Amino acid sequence: MSDFLCRIATPEKIVFEGEVSYLNAETLMGPTGILAHHAALISPLRAGKVELHLPNKTCLNFKVSDGFLKVDNNLAEIFSPEVKTA
């Protein structure tokens, strides 16, 4: 499975930046899974959990207040006013 770069940021700081194998976020369209080489996408986020599957088979969970998800050129970016580790 291929990996891709993921960045989670608030207006104040970058909360996470690194390679992931899979990302799952709650968007207004419903649960949205992202794998490497995903088509370009911009979507508003619902408040809820963001799940990151890392290449070493571990998982990181974050809670976001809202915001948006942008995917382009093998980079997934989540921008949210408030992000907490879950």
PDB file of N, CA and C in Angstrom:
ATOM      1  N   MET A   1       0.839  -1.170   0.000  1.00  0.00           N
ATOM      2  CA  MET A   1       0.000   0.000   0.000  1.00  0.00           C
ATOM      3  C   MET A   1       0.893   1.246   0.000  1.00  0.00           C
ATOM      4  N   SER A   2       0.552   2.218  -0.799  1.00  0.00           N
ATOM      5  CA  SER A   2       1.313   3.461  -0.883  1.00  0.00           C
ATOM      6  C   SER A   2       0.934   4.384   0.262  1.00  0.00           C
ATOM      7  N   ASP A   3       1.854   5.261   0.592  1.00  0.00           N
ATOM      8  CA  ASP A   3       1.633   6.255   1.631  1.00  0.00           C
ATOM      9  C   ASP A   3       1.539   7.632   0.988  1.00  0.00           C
ATOM     10  N   PHE A   4       1.036   8.585   1.756  1.00  0.00           N
ATOM     11  CA  PHE A   4       0.942   9.953   1.273  1.00  0.00           C
ATOM     12  C   PHE A   4       1.148  10.900   2.449  1.00  0.00           C
ATOM     13  N   LEU A   5       1.414  12.157   2.159  1.00  0.00           N
ATOM     14  CA  LEU A   5       1.670  13.150   3.189  1.00  0.00           C
ATOM     15  C   LEU A   5       0.349  13.691   3.718  1.00  0.00           C
ATOM     16  N   CYS A   6       0.260  13.840   5.027  1.00  0.00           N
ATOM     17  CA  CYS A   6      -0.920  14.392   5.674  1.00  0.00           C
ATOM     18  C   CYS A   6      -0.480  15.513   6.607  1.00  0.00           C
ATOM     19  N   ARG A   7      -1.265  16.575   6.606  1.00  0.00           N
ATOM     20  CA  ARG A   7      -0.995  17.706   7.490  1.00  0.00           C
ATOM     21  C   ARG A   7      -2.311  18.109   8.148  1.00  0.00           C
ATOM     22  N   ILE A   8      -2.289  18.262   9.469  1.00  0.00           N
ATOM     23  CA  ILE A   8      -3.445  18.748  10.217  1.00  0.00           C
ATOM     24  C   ILE A   8      -3.012  20.042  10.893  1.00  0.00           C
ATOM     25  N   ALA A   9      -3.756  21.122  10.621  1.00  0.00           N
ATOM     26  CA  ALA A   9      -3.335  22.433  11.118  1.00  0.00           C
ATOM     27  C   ALA A   9      -4.502  23.212  11.703  1.00  0.00           C
ATOM     28  N   THR A  10      -4.168  24.029  12.706  1.00  0.00           N
ATOM     29  CA  THR A  10      -5.076  25.029  13.246  1.00  0.00           C
ATOM     30  C   THR A  10      -4.502  26.386  12.825  1.00  0.00           C
ATOM     31  N   PRO A  11      -5.197  27.477  13.083  1.00  0.00           N
ATOM     32  CA  PRO A  11      -4.623  28.788  12.764  1.00  0.00           C
ATOM     33  C   PRO A  11      -3.315  29.068  13.521  1.00  0.00           C
ATOM     34  N   GLU A  12      -3.119  28.420  14.669  1.00  0.00           N
ATOM     35  CA  GLU A  12      -1.934  28.676  15.488  1.00  0.00           C
ATOM     36  C   GLU A  12      -0.742  27.779  15.183  1.00  0.00           C
ATOM     37  N   LYS A  13      -1.004  26.528  14.766  1.00  0.00           N
ATOM     38  CA  LYS A  13       0.117  25.593  14.628  1.00  0.00           C
ATOM     39  C   LYS A  13      -0.242  24.389  13.765  1.00  0.00           C
ATOM     40  N   ILE A  14       0.789  23.672  13.365  1.00  0.00           N
ATOM     41  CA  ILE A  14       0.622  22.381  12.692  1.00  0.00           C
ATOM     42  C   ILE A  14       0.570  21.328  13.797  1.00  0.00           C
ATOM     43  N   VAL A  15      -0.519  20.588  13.855  1.00  0.00           N
ATOM     44  CA  VAL A  15      -0.733  19.590  14.893  1.00  0.00           C
ATOM     45  C   VAL A  15      -0.098  18.261  14.506  1.00  0.00           C
ATOM     46  N   PHE A  16      -0.162  17.928  13.229  1.00  0.00           N
ATOM     47  CA  PHE A  16       0.442  16.680  12.721  1.00  0.00           C
ATOM     48  C   PHE A  16       0.920  16.919  11.310  1.00  0.00           C
ATOM     49  N   GLU A  17       2.089  16.352  10.991  1.00  0.00           N
ATOM     50  CA  GLU A  17       2.577  16.344   9.614  1.00  0.00           C
ATOM     51  C   GLU A  17       3.432  15.103   9.444  1.00  0.00           C
ATOM     52  N   GLY A  18       3.032  14.247   8.510  1.00  0.00           N
ATOM     53  CA  GLY A  18       3.791  13.030   8.283  1.00  0.00           C
ATOM     54  C   GLY A  18       3.114  12.134   7.265  1.00  0.00           C
ATOM     55  N   GLU A  19       3.764  11.012   7.018  1.00  0.00           N
ATOM     56  CA  GLU A  19       3.260  10.029   6.067  1.00  0.00           C
ATOM     57  C   GLU A  19       2.165   9.187   6.721  1.00  0.00           C
ATOM     58  N   VAL A  20       1.097   8.945   5.979  1.00  0.00           N
ATOM     59  CA  VAL A  20       0.020   8.070   6.429  1.00  0.00           C
ATOM     60  C   VAL A  20      -0.340   7.110   5.301  1.00  0.00           C
ATOM     61  N   SER A  21      -0.948   6.003   5.676  1.00  0.00           N
ATOM     62  CA  SER A  21      -1.417   5.028   4.691  1.00  0.00           C
ATOM     63  C   SER A  21      -2.888   5.228   4.370  1.00  0.00           C
ATOM     64  N   TYR A  22      -3.634   5.750   5.354  1.00  0.00           N
ATOM     65  CA  TYR A  22      -5.077   5.915   5.200  1.00  0.00           C
ATOM     66  C   TYR A  22      -5.541   7.013   6.139  1.00  0.00           C
ATOM     67  N   LEU A  23      -6.512   7.787   5.685  1.00  0.00           N
ATOM     68  CA  LEU A  23      -7.116   8.849   6.490  1.00  0.00           C
ATOM     69  C   LEU A  23      -8.621   8.683   6.415  1.00  0.00           C
ATOM     70  N   ASN A  24      -9.289   8.809   7.539  1.00  0.00           N
ATOM     71  CA  ASN A  24     -10.747   8.774   7.566  1.00  0.00           C
ATOM     72  C   ASN A  24     -11.226  10.006   8.317  1.00  0.00           C
ATOM     73  N   ALA A  25     -12.126  10.769   7.698  1.00  0.00           N
ATOM     74  CA  ALA A  25     -12.661  11.984   8.317  1.00  0.00           C
ATOM     75  C   ALA A  25     -14.149  12.067   8.056  1.00  0.00           C
ATOM     76  N   GLU A  26     -14.834  12.745   8.945  1.00  0.00           N
ATOM     77  CA  GLU A  26     -16.278  12.945   8.818  1.00  0.00           C
ATOM     78  C   GLU A  26     -16.512  14.257   8.073  1.00  0.00           C
ATOM     79  N   THR A  27     -16.927  14.154   6.805  1.00  0.00           N
ATOM     80  CA  THR A  27     -17.208  15.344   6.008  1.00  0.00           C
ATOM     81  C   THR A  27     -18.716  15.531   5.914  1.00  0.00           C
ATOM     82  N   LEU A  28     -19.141  16.630   5.317  1.00  0.00           N
ATOM     83  CA  LEU A  28     -20.577  16.848   5.145  1.00  0.00           C
ATOM     84  C   LEU A  28     -21.194  15.813   4.213  1.00  0.00           C
ATOM     85  N   MET A  29     -20.365  15.158   3.406  1.00  0.00           N
ATOM     86  CA  MET A  29     -20.848  14.090   2.521  1.00  0.00           C
ATOM     87  C   MET A  29     -20.952  12.757   3.250  1.00  0.00           C
ATOM     88  N   GLY A  30     -20.466  12.694   4.492  1.00  0.00           N
ATOM     89  CA  GLY A  30     -20.438  11.458   5.262  1.00  0.00           C
ATOM     90  C   GLY A  30     -19.002  11.048   5.519  1.00  0.00           C
ATOM     91  N   PRO A  31     -18.798   9.850   6.082  1.00  0.00           N
ATOM     92  CA  PRO A  31     -17.433   9.378   6.322  1.00  0.00           C
ATOM     93  C   PRO A  31     -16.666   9.308   4.998  1.00  0.00           C
ATOM     94  N   THR A  32     -15.470   9.860   5.004  1.00  0.00           N
ATOM     95  CA  THR A  32     -14.677   9.926   3.778  1.00  0.00           C
ATOM     96  C   THR A  32     -13.303   9.327   4.034  1.00  0.00           C
ATOM     97  N   GLY A  33     -12.959   8.293   3.290  1.00  0.00           N
ATOM     98  CA  GLY A  33     -11.661   7.646   3.394  1.00  0.00           C
ATOM     99  C   GLY A  33     -10.749   8.102   2.270  1.00  0.00           C
ATOM    100  N   ILE A  34      -9.507   8.345   2.626  1.00  0.00           N
ATOM    101  CA  ILE A  34      -8.516   8.811   1.654  1.00  0.00           C
ATOM    102  C   ILE A  34      -7.342   7.837   1.628  1.00  0.00           C
ATOM    103  N   LEU A  35      -6.988   7.394   0.443  1.00  0.00           N
ATOM    104  CA  LEU A  35      -5.798   6.576   0.213  1.00  0.00           C
ATOM    105  C   LEU A  35      -4.847   7.356  -0.689  1.00  0.00           C
ATOM    106  N   ALA A  36      -3.647   6.853  -0.857  1.00  0.00           N
ATOM    107  CA  ALA A  36      -2.666   7.489  -1.739  1.00  0.00           C
ATOM    108  C   ALA A  36      -3.240   7.650  -3.142  1.00  0.00           C
ATOM    109  N   HIS A  37      -2.878   8.714  -3.802  1.00  0.00           N
ATOM    110  CA  HIS A  37      -3.272   9.023  -5.187  1.00  0.00           C
ATOM    111  C   HIS A  37      -4.771   9.270  -5.340  1.00  0.00           C
ATOM    112  N   HIS A  38      -5.411   9.732  -4.252  1.00  0.00           N
ATOM    113  CA  HIS A  38      -6.835  10.058  -4.295  1.00  0.00           C
ATOM    114  C   HIS A  38      -7.053  11.237  -5.241  1.00  0.00           C
ATOM    115  N   ALA A  39      -8.195  11.287  -5.862  1.00  0.00           N
ATOM    116  CA  ALA A  39      -8.553  12.412  -6.727  1.00  0.00           C
ATOM    117  C   ALA A  39      -8.607  13.698  -5.901  1.00  0.00           C
ATOM    118  N   ALA A  40      -8.376  14.825  -6.562  1.00  0.00           N
ATOM    119  CA  ALA A  40      -8.436  16.124  -5.884  1.00  0.00           C
ATOM    120  C   ALA A  40      -9.817  16.306  -5.252  1.00  0.00           C
ATOM    121  N   LEU A  41      -9.830  16.896  -4.054  1.00  0.00           N
ATOM    122  CA  LEU A  41     -11.066  17.020  -3.285  1.00  0.00           C
ATOM    123  C   LEU A  41     -10.943  18.180  -2.315  1.00  0.00           C
ATOM    124  N   ILE A  42     -11.999  18.939  -2.173  1.00  0.00           N
ATOM    125  CA  ILE A  42     -12.133  19.913  -1.083  1.00  0.00           C
ATOM    126  C   ILE A  42     -13.521  19.692  -0.503  1.00  0.00           C
ATOM    127  N   SER A  43     -13.585  19.482   0.827  1.00  0.00           N
ATOM    128  CA  SER A  43     -14.874  19.212   1.461  1.00  0.00           C
ATOM    129  C   SER A  43     -14.897  19.803   2.862  1.00  0.00           C
ATOM    130  N   PRO A  44     -16.033  20.394   3.251  1.00  0.00           N
ATOM    131  CA  PRO A  44     -16.189  20.836   4.645  1.00  0.00           C
ATOM    132  C   PRO A  44     -16.201  19.632   5.575  1.00  0.00           C
ATOM    133  N   LEU A  45     -15.682  19.820   6.780  1.00  0.00           N
ATOM    134  CA  LEU A  45     -15.678  18.768   7.793  1.00  0.00           C
ATOM    135  C   LEU A  45     -16.796  18.988   8.795  1.00  0.00           C
ATOM    136  N   ARG A  46     -17.316  17.898   9.307  1.00  0.00           N
ATOM    137  CA  ARG A  46     -18.203  17.946  10.466  1.00  0.00           C
ATOM    138  C   ARG A  46     -17.330  17.812  11.710  1.00  0.00           C
ATOM    139  N   ALA A  47     -17.779  18.340  12.803  1.00  0.00           N
ATOM    140  CA  ALA A  47     -17.079  18.114  14.064  1.00  0.00           C
ATOM    141  C   ALA A  47     -17.070  16.612  14.336  1.00  0.00           C
ATOM    142  N   GLY A  48     -15.922  16.088  14.703  1.00  0.00           N
ATOM    143  CA  GLY A  48     -15.833  14.658  14.965  1.00  0.00           C
ATOM    144  C   GLY A  48     -14.412  14.156  14.890  1.00  0.00           C
ATOM    145  N   LYS A  49     -14.299  12.852  14.697  1.00  0.00           N
ATOM    146  CA  LYS A  49     -13.005  12.177  14.747  1.00  0.00           C
ATOM    147  C   LYS A  49     -12.342  12.141  13.371  1.00  0.00           C
ATOM    148  N   VAL A  50     -11.030  12.337  13.383  1.00  0.00           N
ATOM    149  CA  VAL A  50     -10.182  12.104  12.220  1.00  0.00           C
ATOM    150  C   VAL A  50      -9.236  10.977  12.603  1.00  0.00           C
ATOM    151  N   GLU A  51      -9.206   9.951  11.785  1.00  0.00           N
ATOM    152  CA  GLU A  51      -8.407   8.762  12.062  1.00  0.00           C
ATOM    153  C   GLU A  51      -7.289   8.656  11.039  1.00  0.00           C
ATOM    154  N   LEU A  52      -6.055   8.540  11.533  1.00  0.00           N
ATOM    155  CA  LEU A  52      -4.889   8.390  10.651  1.00  0.00           C
ATOM    156  C   LEU A  52      -4.263   7.020  10.873  1.00  0.00           C
ATOM    157  N   HIS A  53      -4.103   6.260   9.808  1.00  0.00           N
ATOM    158  CA  HIS A  53      -3.404   4.976   9.866  1.00  0.00           C
ATOM    159  C   HIS A  53      -1.990   5.214   9.361  1.00  0.00           C
ATOM    160  N   LEU A  54      -1.016   4.974  10.205  1.00  0.00           N
ATOM    161  CA  LEU A  54       0.375   5.229   9.865  1.00  0.00           C
ATOM    162  C   LEU A  54       1.016   4.026   9.183  1.00  0.00           C
ATOM    163  N   PRO A  55       2.099   4.253   8.445  1.00  0.00           N
ATOM    164  CA  PRO A  55       2.764   3.140   7.751  1.00  0.00           C
ATOM    165  C   PRO A  55       3.226   2.017   8.679  1.00  0.00           C
ATOM    166  N   ASN A  56       3.506   2.333   9.962  1.00  0.00           N
ATOM    167  CA  ASN A  56       3.957   1.291  10.903  1.00  0.00           C
ATOM    168  C   ASN A  56       2.789   0.525  11.521  1.00  0.00           C
ATOM    169  N   LYS A  57       1.590   0.678  10.947  1.00  0.00           N
ATOM    170  CA  LYS A  57       0.368  -0.046  11.347  1.00  0.00           C
ATOM    171  C   LYS A  57      -0.250   0.475  12.647  1.00  0.00           C
ATOM    172  N   THR A  58       0.199   1.613  13.154  1.00  0.00           N
ATOM    173  CA  THR A  58      -0.452   2.221  14.311  1.00  0.00           C
ATOM    174  C   THR A  58      -1.491   3.222  13.819  1.00  0.00           C
ATOM    175  N   CYS A  59      -2.312   3.691  14.752  1.00  0.00           N
ATOM    176  CA  CYS A  59      -3.389   4.606  14.402  1.00  0.00           C
ATOM    177  C   CYS A  59      -3.366   5.805  15.351  1.00  0.00           C
ATOM    178  N   LEU A  60      -3.538   6.996  14.796  1.00  0.00           N
ATOM    179  CA  LEU A  60      -3.662   8.220  15.587  1.00  0.00           C
ATOM    180  C   LEU A  60      -5.066   8.766  15.393  1.00  0.00           C
ATOM    181  N   ASN A  61      -5.672   9.251  16.472  1.00  0.00           N
ATOM    182  CA  ASN A  61      -7.007   9.825  16.401  1.00  0.00           C
ATOM    183  C   ASN A  61      -6.986  11.261  16.899  1.00  0.00           C
ATOM    184  N   PHE A  62      -7.686  12.111  16.183  1.00  0.00           N
ATOM    185  CA  PHE A  62      -7.823  13.512  16.551  1.00  0.00           C
ATOM    186  C   PHE A  62      -9.299  13.860  16.543  1.00  0.00           C
ATOM    187  N   LYS A  63      -9.672  14.856  17.333  1.00  0.00           N
ATOM    188  CA  LYS A  63     -11.031  15.412  17.282  1.00  0.00           C
ATOM    189  C   LYS A  63     -10.922  16.816  16.708  1.00  0.00           C
ATOM    190  N   VAL A  64     -11.741  17.104  15.709  1.00  0.00           N
ATOM    191  CA  VAL A  64     -11.762  18.431  15.104  1.00  0.00           C
ATOM    192  C   VAL A  64     -13.114  19.075  15.382  1.00  0.00           C
ATOM    193  N   SER A  65     -13.120  20.409  15.470  1.00  0.00           N
ATOM    194  CA  SER A  65     -14.371  21.110  15.737  1.00  0.00           C
ATOM    195  C   SER A  65     -15.190  21.262  14.456  1.00  0.00           C
ATOM    196  N   ASP A  66     -14.568  21.554  13.376  1.00  0.00           N
ATOM    197  CA  ASP A  66     -15.117  21.650  12.026  1.00  0.00           C
ATOM    198  C   ASP A  66     -13.937  22.019  11.136  1.00  0.00           C
ATOM    199  N   GLY A  67     -14.168  22.646  10.014  1.00  0.00           N
ATOM    200  CA  GLY A  67     -13.063  23.009   9.131  1.00  0.00           C
ATOM    201  C   GLY A  67     -13.259  22.416   7.760  1.00  0.00           C
ATOM    202  N   PHE A  68     -12.123  22.106   7.102  1.00  0.00           N
ATOM    203  CA  PHE A  68     -12.254  21.477   5.796  1.00  0.00           C
ATOM    204  C   PHE A  68     -11.077  20.573   5.500  1.00  0.00           C
ATOM    205  N   LEU A  69     -11.300  19.669   4.570  1.00  0.00           N
ATOM    206  CA  LEU A  69     -10.315  18.705   4.093  1.00  0.00           C
ATOM    207  C   LEU A  69      -9.987  19.045   2.653  1.00  0.00           C
ATOM    208  N   LYS A  70      -8.701  19.114   2.353  1.00  0.00           N
ATOM    209  CA  LYS A  70      -8.242  19.350   0.979  1.00  0.00           C
ATOM    210  C   LYS A  70      -7.282  18.227   0.611  1.00  0.00           C
ATOM    211  N   VAL A  71      -7.514  17.620  -0.551  1.00  0.00           N
ATOM    212  CA  VAL A  71      -6.637  16.565  -1.051  1.00  0.00           C
ATOM    213  C   VAL A  71      -6.205  16.950  -2.457  1.00  0.00           C
ATOM    214  N   ASP A  72      -4.894  16.935  -2.700  1.00  0.00           N
ATOM    215  CA  ASP A  72      -4.365  17.261  -4.026  1.00  0.00           C
ATOM    216  C   ASP A  72      -2.907  16.827  -4.103  1.00  0.00           C
ATOM    217  N   ASN A  73      -2.520  16.239  -5.206  1.00  0.00           N
ATOM    218  CA  ASN A  73      -1.125  15.843  -5.451  1.00  0.00           C
ATOM    219  C   ASN A  73      -0.533  15.010  -4.321  1.00  0.00           C
ATOM    220  N   ASN A  74      -1.280  14.011  -3.856  1.00  0.00           N
ATOM    221  CA  ASN A  74      -0.815  13.085  -2.825  1.00  0.00           C
ATOM    222  C   ASN A  74      -0.527  13.768  -1.487  1.00  0.00           C
ATOM    223  N   LEU A  75      -1.236  14.864  -1.228  1.00  0.00           N
ATOM    224  CA  LEU A  75      -1.163  15.590   0.041  1.00  0.00           C
ATOM    225  C   LEU A  75      -2.584  15.809   0.540  1.00  0.00           C
ATOM    226  N   ALA A  76      -2.862  15.355   1.759  1.00  0.00           N
ATOM    227  CA  ALA A  76      -4.151  15.596   2.404  1.00  0.00           C
ATOM    228  C   ALA A  76      -3.928  16.610   3.514  1.00  0.00           C
ATOM    229  N   GLU A  77      -4.716  17.672   3.501  1.00  0.00           N
ATOM    230  CA  GLU A  77      -4.584  18.710   4.516  1.00  0.00           C
ATOM    231  C   GLU A  77      -5.927  18.909   5.204  1.00  0.00           C
ATOM    232  N   ILE A  78      -5.884  18.963   6.515  1.00  0.00           N
ATOM    233  CA  ILE A  78      -7.069  19.258   7.311  1.00  0.00           C
ATOM    234  C   ILE A  78      -6.807  20.563   8.036  1.00  0.00           C
ATOM    235  N   PHE A  79      -7.732  21.493   7.859  1.00  0.00           N
ATOM    236  CA  PHE A  79      -7.654  22.793   8.513  1.00  0.00           C
ATOM    237  C   PHE A  79      -8.867  22.908   9.426  1.00  0.00           C
ATOM    238  N   SER A  80      -8.617  23.137  10.721  1.00  0.00           N
ATOM    239  CA  SER A  80      -9.706  23.222  11.691  1.00  0.00           C
ATOM    240  C   SER A  80      -9.335  24.248  12.771  1.00  0.00           C
ATOM    241  N   PRO A  81     -10.323  25.002  13.264  1.00  0.00           N
ATOM    242  CA  PRO A  81     -10.038  25.973  14.313  1.00  0.00           C
ATOM    243  C   PRO A  81      -9.577  25.314  15.613  1.00  0.00           C
ATOM    244  N   GLU A  82     -10.053  24.074  15.860  1.00  0.00           N
ATOM    245  CA  GLU A  82      -9.682  23.391  17.096  1.00  0.00           C
ATOM    246  C   GLU A  82      -9.438  21.918  16.817  1.00  0.00           C
ATOM    247  N   VAL A  83      -8.265  21.436  17.222  1.00  0.00           N
ATOM    248  CA  VAL A  83      -7.891  20.030  17.048  1.00  0.00           C
ATOM    249  C   VAL A  83      -7.351  19.518  18.371  1.00  0.00           C
ATOM    250  N   LYS A  84      -7.856  18.372  18.806  1.00  0.00           N
ATOM    251  CA  LYS A  84      -7.377  17.730  20.038  1.00  0.00           C
ATOM    252  C   LYS A  84      -7.047  16.287  19.738  1.00  0.00           C
ATOM    253  N   THR A  85      -6.084  15.728  20.456  1.00  0.00           N
ATOM    254  CA  THR A  85      -5.818  14.304  20.316  1.00  0.00           C
ATOM    255  C   THR A  85      -6.940  13.553  21.017  1.00  0.00           C
ATOM    256  N   ALA A  86      -7.331  12.454  20.438  1.00  0.00           N
ATOM    257  CA  ALA A  86      -8.442  11.675  21.001  1.00  0.00           C
ATOM    258  C   ALA A  86      -7.938  10.372  21.582  1.00  0.00           C
TER     259      ALA A  86
END
